[in-house]
């Protein structure tokens, strides 16, 4: 093997120095810098989560007040009764009462099968159009608010008399129920 010239030794020395610098960069400096970058990204993520959680925690009192307000309104949207039979009785009685108070004559009131957590019934009778409008307005605007499932209006007598006078009405309504203390 022949001896290397001065120029070759310098090139090998420079190549070894570049290799040493590259190894130091890859094994020490790059992981260190990557660690800083990763920790900075993690800090940003944690900071965003902290701010989001802080907003949620700060919103708890307002949400609690809103829930209390809505809890006070539940009697407007639910019919409270100790059991399903009493809920159906109360719904039938309300339909009968509203029909009669509007000036109509009730001919029948009956339950309709309904899913658990609700009561459903229909009322049938005769009344005039203004009485029907008054009854529907009262039913729609007095708690507990009822859901009108169907309304059948028949004006068979109008064909005989030639004027719209007495209407045959069948109103089916339902209401969500809540268990209540006896």
N, C-alpha and C. Protein backbone atom coordinates (compact mmCIF):
# COMPACT_ATOMS: atom_id res chain seq x y z
N UNK A 1 0.85 -1.16 0.00
CA UNK A 1 0.00 0.00 0.00
C UNK A 1 0.90 1.23 0.00
N UNK A 2 0.58 2.17 -0.78
CA UNK A 2 1.42 3.35 -0.88
C UNK A 2 0.96 4.40 0.09
N UNK A 3 1.82 5.29 0.44
CA UNK A 3 1.53 6.38 1.37
C UNK A 3 0.69 7.42 0.67
N UNK A 4 -0.22 8.00 1.42
CA UNK A 4 -1.12 9.01 0.86
C UNK A 4 -0.40 10.33 0.77
N UNK A 5 -0.73 11.05 -0.24
CA UNK A 5 -0.12 12.37 -0.40
C UNK A 5 -0.78 13.34 0.57
N UNK A 6 -0.13 14.47 0.72
CA UNK A 6 -0.64 15.50 1.64
C UNK A 6 -2.04 15.94 1.23
N UNK A 7 -2.25 16.07 -0.04
CA UNK A 7 -3.56 16.50 -0.54
C UNK A 7 -4.62 15.46 -0.23
N UNK A 8 -4.34 14.19 -0.40
CA UNK A 8 -5.29 13.11 -0.13
C UNK A 8 -5.61 13.05 1.36
N UNK A 9 -4.53 13.23 2.20
CA UNK A 9 -4.76 13.22 3.65
C UNK A 9 -5.67 14.37 4.06
N UNK A 10 -5.49 15.52 3.45
CA UNK A 10 -6.35 16.67 3.78
C UNK A 10 -7.80 16.39 3.36
N UNK A 11 -7.99 15.82 2.19
CA UNK A 11 -9.35 15.49 1.74
C UNK A 11 -10.00 14.47 2.68
N UNK A 12 -9.25 13.47 3.09
CA UNK A 12 -9.78 12.47 4.02
C UNK A 12 -10.08 13.13 5.35
N UNK A 13 -9.21 14.02 5.82
CA UNK A 13 -9.43 14.72 7.08
C UNK A 13 -10.68 15.59 6.99
N UNK A 14 -10.84 16.29 5.87
CA UNK A 14 -12.04 17.14 5.70
C UNK A 14 -13.29 16.26 5.64
N UNK A 15 -13.23 15.13 4.92
CA UNK A 15 -14.37 14.23 4.83
C UNK A 15 -14.72 13.67 6.20
N UNK A 16 -13.68 13.29 6.99
CA UNK A 16 -13.93 12.78 8.35
C UNK A 16 -14.51 13.89 9.25
N UNK A 17 -14.03 15.12 9.07
CA UNK A 17 -14.55 16.24 9.87
C UNK A 17 -16.02 16.50 9.51
N UNK A 18 -16.32 16.47 8.19
CA UNK A 18 -17.72 16.67 7.76
C UNK A 18 -18.58 15.53 8.29
N UNK A 19 -18.08 14.30 8.24
CA UNK A 19 -18.81 13.15 8.76
C UNK A 19 -19.03 13.29 10.26
N UNK A 20 -18.01 13.75 10.99
CA UNK A 20 -18.14 13.94 12.43
C UNK A 20 -19.17 15.02 12.74
N UNK A 21 -19.13 16.12 11.98
CA UNK A 21 -20.11 17.20 12.20
C UNK A 21 -21.51 16.69 11.88
N UNK A 22 -21.67 15.92 10.79
CA UNK A 22 -22.98 15.38 10.42
C UNK A 22 -23.50 14.43 11.49
N UNK A 23 -22.60 13.57 12.02
CA UNK A 23 -23.01 12.64 13.08
C UNK A 23 -23.42 13.40 14.34
N UNK A 24 -22.64 14.42 14.71
CA UNK A 24 -22.99 15.22 15.89
C UNK A 24 -24.34 15.90 15.64
N UNK A 25 -24.53 16.43 14.43
CA UNK A 25 -25.81 17.09 14.12
C UNK A 25 -26.96 16.10 14.21
N UNK A 26 -26.82 14.92 13.58
CA UNK A 26 -27.90 13.94 13.56
C UNK A 26 -28.14 13.29 14.92
N UNK A 27 -27.10 13.07 15.69
CA UNK A 27 -27.25 12.35 16.95
C UNK A 27 -27.49 13.26 18.15
N UNK A 28 -27.09 14.53 18.09
CA UNK A 28 -27.22 15.39 19.26
C UNK A 28 -28.10 16.62 18.98
N UNK A 29 -27.72 17.40 18.01
CA UNK A 29 -28.37 18.70 17.80
C UNK A 29 -29.80 18.53 17.26
N UNK A 30 -30.01 17.71 16.24
CA UNK A 30 -31.34 17.56 15.64
C UNK A 30 -32.37 17.03 16.65
N UNK A 31 -32.05 15.95 17.41
CA UNK A 31 -33.03 15.50 18.41
C UNK A 31 -33.32 16.58 19.47
N UNK A 32 -32.29 17.34 19.84
CA UNK A 32 -32.49 18.40 20.82
C UNK A 32 -33.43 19.47 20.27
N UNK A 33 -33.20 19.90 19.03
CA UNK A 33 -34.07 20.90 18.42
C UNK A 33 -35.48 20.36 18.18
N UNK A 34 -35.57 19.09 17.75
CA UNK A 34 -36.89 18.47 17.56
C UNK A 34 -37.65 18.39 18.88
N UNK A 35 -36.94 18.10 19.96
CA UNK A 35 -37.57 18.06 21.28
C UNK A 35 -38.16 19.41 21.65
N UNK A 36 -37.41 20.50 21.37
CA UNK A 36 -37.94 21.84 21.65
C UNK A 36 -39.21 22.10 20.82
N UNK A 37 -39.16 21.71 19.55
CA UNK A 37 -40.30 21.94 18.66
C UNK A 37 -41.52 21.13 19.12
N UNK A 38 -41.29 19.86 19.47
CA UNK A 38 -42.40 19.02 19.92
C UNK A 38 -42.99 19.53 21.22
N UNK A 39 -42.14 19.95 22.15
CA UNK A 39 -42.64 20.47 23.43
C UNK A 39 -43.39 21.78 23.23
N UNK A 40 -42.93 22.61 22.28
CA UNK A 40 -43.65 23.86 21.99
C UNK A 40 -45.04 23.55 21.42
N UNK A 41 -45.12 22.57 20.52
CA UNK A 41 -46.42 22.19 19.96
C UNK A 41 -47.33 21.61 21.04
N UNK A 42 -46.75 20.80 21.93
CA UNK A 42 -47.54 20.23 23.03
C UNK A 42 -48.02 21.33 23.98
N UNK A 43 -47.16 22.32 24.25
CA UNK A 43 -47.56 23.45 25.10
C UNK A 43 -48.73 24.20 24.47
N UNK A 44 -48.67 24.41 23.14
CA UNK A 44 -49.76 25.09 22.45
C UNK A 44 -51.06 24.29 22.55
N UNK A 45 -50.96 22.97 22.37
CA UNK A 45 -52.14 22.11 22.48
C UNK A 45 -52.71 22.16 23.89
N UNK A 46 -51.85 22.06 24.90
CA UNK A 46 -52.30 22.11 26.29
C UNK A 46 -52.89 23.47 26.63
N UNK A 47 -52.30 24.53 26.10
CA UNK A 47 -52.82 25.88 26.35
C UNK A 47 -54.22 26.03 25.74
N UNK A 48 -54.41 25.52 24.53
CA UNK A 48 -55.73 25.59 23.90
C UNK A 48 -56.75 24.77 24.70
N UNK A 49 -56.35 23.58 25.16
CA UNK A 49 -57.25 22.76 25.98
C UNK A 49 -57.58 23.46 27.29
N UNK A 50 -56.58 24.09 27.90
CA UNK A 50 -56.81 24.82 29.16
C UNK A 50 -57.79 25.96 28.95
N UNK A 51 -57.62 26.72 27.87
CA UNK A 51 -58.53 27.83 27.60
C UNK A 51 -59.95 27.34 27.34
N UNK A 52 -60.07 26.26 26.57
CA UNK A 52 -61.39 25.69 26.28
C UNK A 52 -62.05 25.21 27.57
N UNK A 53 -61.30 24.49 28.40
CA UNK A 53 -61.84 24.00 29.67
C UNK A 53 -62.18 25.14 30.61
N UNK A 54 -61.37 26.18 30.59
CA UNK A 54 -61.64 27.35 31.43
C UNK A 54 -62.95 28.02 31.02
N UNK A 55 -63.18 28.13 29.70
CA UNK A 55 -64.45 28.71 29.23
C UNK A 55 -65.62 27.84 29.66
N UNK A 56 -65.46 26.52 29.58
CA UNK A 56 -66.54 25.62 30.00
C UNK A 56 -66.83 25.75 31.49
N UNK A 57 -65.78 25.81 32.28
CA UNK A 57 -65.96 25.94 33.73
C UNK A 57 -66.60 27.27 34.07
N UNK A 58 -66.19 28.33 33.39
CA UNK A 58 -66.77 29.65 33.65
C UNK A 58 -68.23 29.72 33.21
N UNK A 59 -68.64 28.86 32.27
CA UNK A 59 -70.02 28.86 31.79
C UNK A 59 -70.96 28.06 32.69
N UNK A 60 -70.43 27.31 33.64
CA UNK A 60 -71.27 26.46 34.49
C UNK A 60 -72.33 27.26 35.23
N UNK A 61 -72.01 28.38 35.89
CA UNK A 61 -73.08 29.10 36.60
C UNK A 61 -74.21 29.57 35.67
N UNK A 62 -73.86 30.05 34.49
CA UNK A 62 -74.90 30.49 33.55
C UNK A 62 -75.74 29.30 33.08
N UNK A 63 -75.08 28.17 32.81
CA UNK A 63 -75.82 26.98 32.40
C UNK A 63 -76.72 26.48 33.53
N UNK A 64 -76.24 26.56 34.76
CA UNK A 64 -77.05 26.14 35.92
C UNK A 64 -78.29 27.03 36.04
N UNK A 65 -78.10 28.35 35.89
CA UNK A 65 -79.25 29.27 35.96
C UNK A 65 -80.24 28.96 34.84
N UNK A 66 -79.72 28.70 33.63
CA UNK A 66 -80.60 28.37 32.51
C UNK A 66 -81.36 27.07 32.78
N UNK A 67 -80.69 26.08 33.34
CA UNK A 67 -81.36 24.81 33.66
C UNK A 67 -82.43 25.02 34.73
N UNK A 68 -82.16 25.86 35.73
CA UNK A 68 -83.16 26.13 36.76
C UNK A 68 -84.37 26.84 36.16
N UNK A 69 -84.11 27.78 35.26
CA UNK A 69 -85.21 28.48 34.60
C UNK A 69 -86.04 27.51 33.77
N UNK A 70 -85.37 26.64 33.03
CA UNK A 70 -86.09 25.66 32.23
C UNK A 70 -86.81 24.65 33.10
N UNK A 71 -86.22 24.30 34.25
CA UNK A 71 -86.89 23.38 35.17
C UNK A 71 -88.19 23.97 35.68
N UNK A 72 -88.20 25.28 35.91
CA UNK A 72 -89.42 25.93 36.37
C UNK A 72 -90.49 25.93 35.27
N UNK A 73 -90.07 25.86 34.02
CA UNK A 73 -91.01 25.88 32.91
C UNK A 73 -91.53 24.50 32.52
N UNK A 74 -91.00 23.44 33.14
CA UNK A 74 -91.40 22.10 32.69
C UNK A 74 -92.88 21.84 32.90
N UNK A 75 -93.51 22.50 33.88
CA UNK A 75 -94.94 22.32 34.08
C UNK A 75 -95.74 22.88 32.90
N UNK A 76 -95.12 23.76 32.12
CA UNK A 76 -95.81 24.30 30.94
C UNK A 76 -95.81 23.31 29.78
N UNK A 77 -94.88 22.36 29.80
CA UNK A 77 -94.74 21.46 28.66
C UNK A 77 -95.08 20.01 28.98
N UNK A 78 -95.23 19.68 30.26
CA UNK A 78 -95.53 18.31 30.67
C UNK A 78 -96.76 18.30 31.56
N UNK A 79 -97.53 17.24 31.47
CA UNK A 79 -98.67 17.04 32.35
C UNK A 79 -98.20 16.16 33.49
N UNK A 80 -98.23 16.70 34.70
CA UNK A 80 -97.77 15.94 35.87
C UNK A 80 -98.91 15.10 36.41
N UNK A 81 -98.66 13.81 36.57
CA UNK A 81 -99.65 12.89 37.11
C UNK A 81 -98.93 11.70 37.73
N UNK A 82 -99.49 11.15 38.83
CA UNK A 82 -98.82 10.02 39.49
C UNK A 82 -98.71 8.77 38.62
N UNK A 83 -99.68 8.58 37.70
CA UNK A 83 -99.61 7.40 36.84
C UNK A 83 -100.24 7.72 35.48
N UNK A 84 -100.13 6.79 34.57
CA UNK A 84 -100.60 7.01 33.19
C UNK A 84 -102.12 7.15 33.14
N UNK A 85 -102.84 6.38 33.96
CA UNK A 85 -104.31 6.47 33.94
C UNK A 85 -104.79 7.84 34.36
N UNK A 86 -104.19 8.37 35.42
CA UNK A 86 -104.59 9.70 35.90
C UNK A 86 -104.20 10.77 34.87
N UNK A 87 -103.08 10.58 34.19
CA UNK A 87 -102.68 11.54 33.14
C UNK A 87 -103.70 11.54 32.01
N UNK A 88 -104.15 10.36 31.61
CA UNK A 88 -105.17 10.29 30.55
C UNK A 88 -106.48 10.91 31.02
N UNK A 89 -106.86 10.66 32.29
CA UNK A 89 -108.08 11.27 32.84
C UNK A 89 -107.98 12.79 32.83
N UNK A 90 -106.83 13.32 33.24
CA UNK A 90 -106.65 14.78 33.26
C UNK A 90 -106.70 15.36 31.85
N UNK A 91 -106.12 14.66 30.89
CA UNK A 91 -106.17 15.15 29.51
C UNK A 91 -107.60 15.13 28.99
N UNK A 92 -108.33 14.04 29.22
CA UNK A 92 -109.73 13.97 28.78
C UNK A 92 -110.55 15.08 29.42
N UNK A 93 -110.35 15.29 30.71
CA UNK A 93 -111.11 16.33 31.42
C UNK A 93 -110.77 17.72 30.87
N UNK A 94 -109.51 17.95 30.57
CA UNK A 94 -109.14 19.26 30.02
C UNK A 94 -109.77 19.47 28.66
N UNK A 95 -109.74 18.45 27.80
CA UNK A 95 -110.36 18.58 26.48
C UNK A 95 -111.86 18.83 26.61
N UNK A 96 -112.52 18.08 27.50
CA UNK A 96 -113.96 18.25 27.72
C UNK A 96 -114.25 19.67 28.22
N UNK A 97 -113.47 20.13 29.19
CA UNK A 97 -113.69 21.45 29.79
C UNK A 97 -113.48 22.56 28.76
N UNK A 98 -112.39 22.49 27.99
CA UNK A 98 -112.11 23.53 27.00
C UNK A 98 -113.18 23.56 25.91
N UNK A 99 -113.65 22.37 25.52
CA UNK A 99 -114.70 22.29 24.50
C UNK A 99 -115.97 22.94 25.01
N UNK A 100 -116.34 22.63 26.26
CA UNK A 100 -117.56 23.18 26.84
C UNK A 100 -117.43 24.68 27.11
N UNK A 101 -116.26 25.12 27.59
CA UNK A 101 -116.07 26.55 27.88
C UNK A 101 -116.13 27.40 26.62
N UNK A 102 -115.75 26.83 25.50
CA UNK A 102 -115.82 27.57 24.23
C UNK A 102 -117.25 27.67 23.74
N UNK A 103 -118.17 26.92 24.35
CA UNK A 103 -119.58 26.98 23.97
C UNK A 103 -120.04 25.81 23.14
N UNK A 104 -119.20 24.81 22.98
CA UNK A 104 -119.58 23.64 22.19
C UNK A 104 -120.28 22.60 23.04
N UNK A 105 -120.94 21.66 22.37
CA UNK A 105 -121.57 20.55 23.09
C UNK A 105 -120.75 19.29 22.82
N UNK A 106 -120.31 18.66 23.89
CA UNK A 106 -119.45 17.48 23.80
C UNK A 106 -120.32 16.25 23.62
N UNK A 107 -120.01 15.43 22.64
CA UNK A 107 -120.75 14.19 22.45
C UNK A 107 -119.94 12.97 22.88
N UNK A 108 -118.61 13.05 22.84
CA UNK A 108 -117.79 11.91 23.25
C UNK A 108 -116.36 12.37 23.53
N UNK A 109 -115.75 11.69 24.51
CA UNK A 109 -114.33 11.89 24.82
C UNK A 109 -113.76 10.50 25.05
N UNK A 110 -112.61 10.21 24.45
CA UNK A 110 -112.06 8.86 24.58
C UNK A 110 -110.54 8.89 24.53
N UNK A 111 -109.93 7.89 25.21
CA UNK A 111 -108.48 7.71 25.17
C UNK A 111 -108.06 7.17 23.82
N UNK A 112 -106.81 7.43 23.48
CA UNK A 112 -106.17 6.86 22.30
C UNK A 112 -104.88 6.22 22.78
N UNK A 113 -104.54 5.02 22.32
CA UNK A 113 -103.28 4.42 22.76
C UNK A 113 -102.10 5.35 22.46
N UNK A 114 -101.20 5.43 23.42
CA UNK A 114 -100.05 6.33 23.26
C UNK A 114 -98.81 5.67 23.84
N UNK A 115 -97.64 6.09 23.41
CA UNK A 115 -96.41 5.52 23.97
C UNK A 115 -96.23 5.95 25.42
N UNK A 116 -95.38 5.23 26.13
CA UNK A 116 -95.08 5.58 27.52
C UNK A 116 -94.52 6.99 27.57
N UNK A 117 -94.91 7.73 28.59
CA UNK A 117 -94.43 9.09 28.74
C UNK A 117 -95.31 10.12 28.07
N UNK A 118 -96.47 9.69 27.58
CA UNK A 118 -97.40 10.66 27.00
C UNK A 118 -98.83 10.16 27.19
N UNK A 119 -99.76 11.09 27.11
CA UNK A 119 -101.19 10.77 27.17
C UNK A 119 -101.81 11.31 25.89
N UNK A 120 -102.81 10.57 25.39
CA UNK A 120 -103.44 10.97 24.13
C UNK A 120 -104.94 10.69 24.23
N UNK A 121 -105.75 11.61 23.73
CA UNK A 121 -107.21 11.44 23.78
C UNK A 121 -107.84 12.27 22.67
N UNK A 122 -109.12 11.98 22.42
CA UNK A 122 -109.86 12.81 21.47
C UNK A 122 -111.17 13.22 22.08
N UNK A 123 -111.67 14.35 21.59
CA UNK A 123 -112.97 14.88 22.01
C UNK A 123 -113.77 15.14 20.75
N UNK A 124 -115.06 14.86 20.83
CA UNK A 124 -115.92 15.04 19.68
C UNK A 124 -117.15 15.80 20.11
N UNK A 125 -117.63 16.69 19.25
CA UNK A 125 -118.82 17.46 19.58
C UNK A 125 -119.17 18.42 18.47
N UNK A 126 -120.02 19.39 18.83
CA UNK A 126 -120.50 20.36 17.84
C UNK A 126 -120.27 21.76 18.37
N UNK A 127 -119.87 22.65 17.46
CA UNK A 127 -119.67 24.06 17.81
C UNK A 127 -119.59 24.89 16.54
N UNK A 128 -119.62 26.20 16.71
CA UNK A 128 -119.50 27.10 15.56
C UNK A 128 -118.03 27.37 15.27
N UNK A 129 -117.78 27.99 14.13
CA UNK A 129 -116.40 28.30 13.75
C UNK A 129 -115.73 29.25 14.73
N UNK A 130 -116.38 30.35 15.17
CA UNK A 130 -115.73 31.21 16.17
C UNK A 130 -115.44 30.48 17.49
N UNK A 131 -116.35 29.58 17.87
CA UNK A 131 -116.11 28.80 19.09
C UNK A 131 -114.90 27.88 18.90
N UNK A 132 -114.78 27.28 17.73
CA UNK A 132 -113.63 26.42 17.43
C UNK A 132 -112.33 27.22 17.49
N UNK A 133 -112.35 28.41 16.90
CA UNK A 133 -111.15 29.25 16.93
C UNK A 133 -110.78 29.63 18.36
N UNK A 134 -111.78 29.96 19.18
CA UNK A 134 -111.51 30.31 20.57
C UNK A 134 -110.95 29.12 21.34
N UNK A 135 -111.53 27.93 21.11
CA UNK A 135 -111.06 26.74 21.82
C UNK A 135 -109.62 26.41 21.42
N UNK A 136 -109.32 26.46 20.13
CA UNK A 136 -107.96 26.15 19.69
C UNK A 136 -106.96 27.17 20.23
N UNK A 137 -107.35 28.43 20.27
CA UNK A 137 -106.47 29.45 20.85
C UNK A 137 -106.20 29.20 22.32
N UNK A 138 -107.23 28.81 23.06
CA UNK A 138 -107.05 28.50 24.48
C UNK A 138 -106.17 27.28 24.67
N UNK A 139 -106.41 26.23 23.88
CA UNK A 139 -105.60 25.01 24.00
C UNK A 139 -104.13 25.28 23.65
N UNK A 140 -103.91 26.12 22.66
CA UNK A 140 -102.54 26.40 22.22
C UNK A 140 -101.78 27.32 23.17
N UNK A 141 -102.50 28.12 23.95
CA UNK A 141 -101.83 29.14 24.76
C UNK A 141 -101.93 28.94 26.25
N UNK A 142 -102.43 27.81 26.71
CA UNK A 142 -102.49 27.59 28.16
C UNK A 142 -101.74 26.31 28.51
N UNK A 143 -100.89 26.39 29.54
CA UNK A 143 -100.10 25.22 29.91
C UNK A 143 -100.94 24.18 30.64
N UNK A 144 -100.57 22.94 30.59
CA UNK A 144 -99.51 22.39 29.77
C UNK A 144 -99.94 22.39 28.30
N UNK A 145 -99.01 22.81 27.46
CA UNK A 145 -99.31 22.95 26.04
C UNK A 145 -99.56 21.59 25.41
N UNK A 146 -100.65 21.49 24.68
CA UNK A 146 -101.03 20.23 24.05
C UNK A 146 -100.50 20.18 22.62
N UNK A 147 -100.31 18.97 22.15
CA UNK A 147 -99.93 18.73 20.76
C UNK A 147 -101.19 18.31 20.03
N UNK A 148 -101.60 19.07 19.05
CA UNK A 148 -102.79 18.72 18.27
C UNK A 148 -102.37 17.67 17.25
N UNK A 149 -102.83 16.45 17.47
CA UNK A 149 -102.47 15.34 16.57
C UNK A 149 -103.33 15.39 15.30
N UNK A 150 -104.63 15.66 15.46
CA UNK A 150 -105.49 15.78 14.29
C UNK A 150 -106.72 16.60 14.66
N UNK A 151 -107.28 17.23 13.66
CA UNK A 151 -108.51 18.01 13.82
C UNK A 151 -109.37 17.72 12.60
N UNK A 152 -110.54 17.16 12.86
CA UNK A 152 -111.47 16.86 11.77
C UNK A 152 -112.68 17.78 11.92
N UNK A 153 -112.96 18.51 10.89
CA UNK A 153 -114.09 19.43 10.88
C UNK A 153 -115.04 19.00 9.77
N UNK A 154 -116.29 18.81 10.13
CA UNK A 154 -117.29 18.40 9.15
C UNK A 154 -118.43 19.41 9.18
N UNK A 155 -118.81 19.89 8.01
CA UNK A 155 -119.89 20.87 7.91
C UNK A 155 -121.02 20.29 7.08
N UNK A 156 -121.49 19.10 7.45
CA UNK A 156 -122.56 18.44 6.69
C UNK A 156 -123.86 19.23 6.73
N UNK A 157 -124.16 19.89 7.82
CA UNK A 157 -125.41 20.65 7.95
C UNK A 157 -125.41 21.87 7.03
N UNK A 158 -124.24 22.35 6.65
CA UNK A 158 -124.17 23.52 5.77
C UNK A 158 -124.77 23.21 4.41
N UNK A 159 -124.69 21.98 3.97
CA UNK A 159 -125.29 21.60 2.69
C UNK A 159 -126.81 21.67 2.76
N UNK A 160 -127.36 21.32 3.93
CA UNK A 160 -128.82 21.32 4.09
C UNK A 160 -129.36 22.73 4.29
N UNK A 161 -128.68 23.51 5.14
CA UNK A 161 -129.19 24.84 5.50
C UNK A 161 -128.70 25.93 4.56
N UNK A 162 -127.62 25.71 3.85
CA UNK A 162 -127.10 26.72 2.95
C UNK A 162 -126.22 27.74 3.64
N UNK A 163 -125.94 27.58 4.91
CA UNK A 163 -125.05 28.50 5.63
C UNK A 163 -124.18 27.70 6.60
N UNK A 164 -123.02 28.25 6.88
CA UNK A 164 -122.08 27.60 7.79
C UNK A 164 -122.48 27.96 9.21
N UNK A 165 -123.04 27.01 9.92
CA UNK A 165 -123.53 27.30 11.26
C UNK A 165 -122.84 26.39 12.28
N UNK A 166 -123.31 25.21 12.43
CA UNK A 166 -122.77 24.27 13.41
C UNK A 166 -121.84 23.30 12.70
N UNK A 167 -120.66 23.10 13.29
CA UNK A 167 -119.66 22.18 12.74
C UNK A 167 -119.54 20.96 13.64
N UNK A 168 -119.34 19.81 13.03
CA UNK A 168 -119.00 18.61 13.79
C UNK A 168 -117.49 18.57 13.89
N UNK A 169 -116.99 18.49 15.12
CA UNK A 169 -115.56 18.59 15.39
C UNK A 169 -115.08 17.32 16.07
N UNK A 170 -113.92 16.87 15.65
CA UNK A 170 -113.22 15.82 16.39
C UNK A 170 -111.76 16.27 16.49
N UNK A 171 -111.32 16.49 17.73
CA UNK A 171 -109.96 16.97 18.00
C UNK A 171 -109.21 15.89 18.77
N UNK A 172 -108.08 15.48 18.23
CA UNK A 172 -107.22 14.52 18.91
C UNK A 172 -105.97 15.26 19.36
N UNK A 173 -105.64 15.12 20.65
CA UNK A 173 -104.49 15.83 21.20
C UNK A 173 -103.70 14.91 22.10
N UNK A 174 -102.43 15.26 22.28
CA UNK A 174 -101.56 14.51 23.18
C UNK A 174 -100.72 15.49 23.98
N UNK A 175 -100.13 14.98 25.04
CA UNK A 175 -99.27 15.80 25.89
C UNK A 175 -98.23 14.88 26.53
N UNK A 176 -96.97 15.30 26.60
CA UNK A 176 -95.97 14.52 27.34
C UNK A 176 -96.31 14.54 28.83
N UNK A 177 -96.02 13.44 29.51
CA UNK A 177 -96.35 13.35 30.93
C UNK A 177 -95.09 13.15 31.76
N UNK A 178 -95.18 13.57 33.01
CA UNK A 178 -94.12 13.37 34.00
C UNK A 178 -94.73 12.75 35.23
N UNK A 179 -94.04 11.81 35.85
CA UNK A 179 -94.54 11.28 37.12
C UNK A 179 -94.54 12.39 38.17
N UNK A 180 -95.59 12.45 38.96
CA UNK A 180 -95.68 13.46 40.02
C UNK A 180 -96.03 12.77 41.32
N UNK A 181 -95.78 13.47 42.42
CA UNK A 181 -96.13 12.93 43.73
C UNK A 181 -97.65 12.88 43.86
N UNK A 182 -98.12 11.91 44.60
CA UNK A 182 -99.58 11.77 44.76
C UNK A 182 -100.10 12.79 45.66
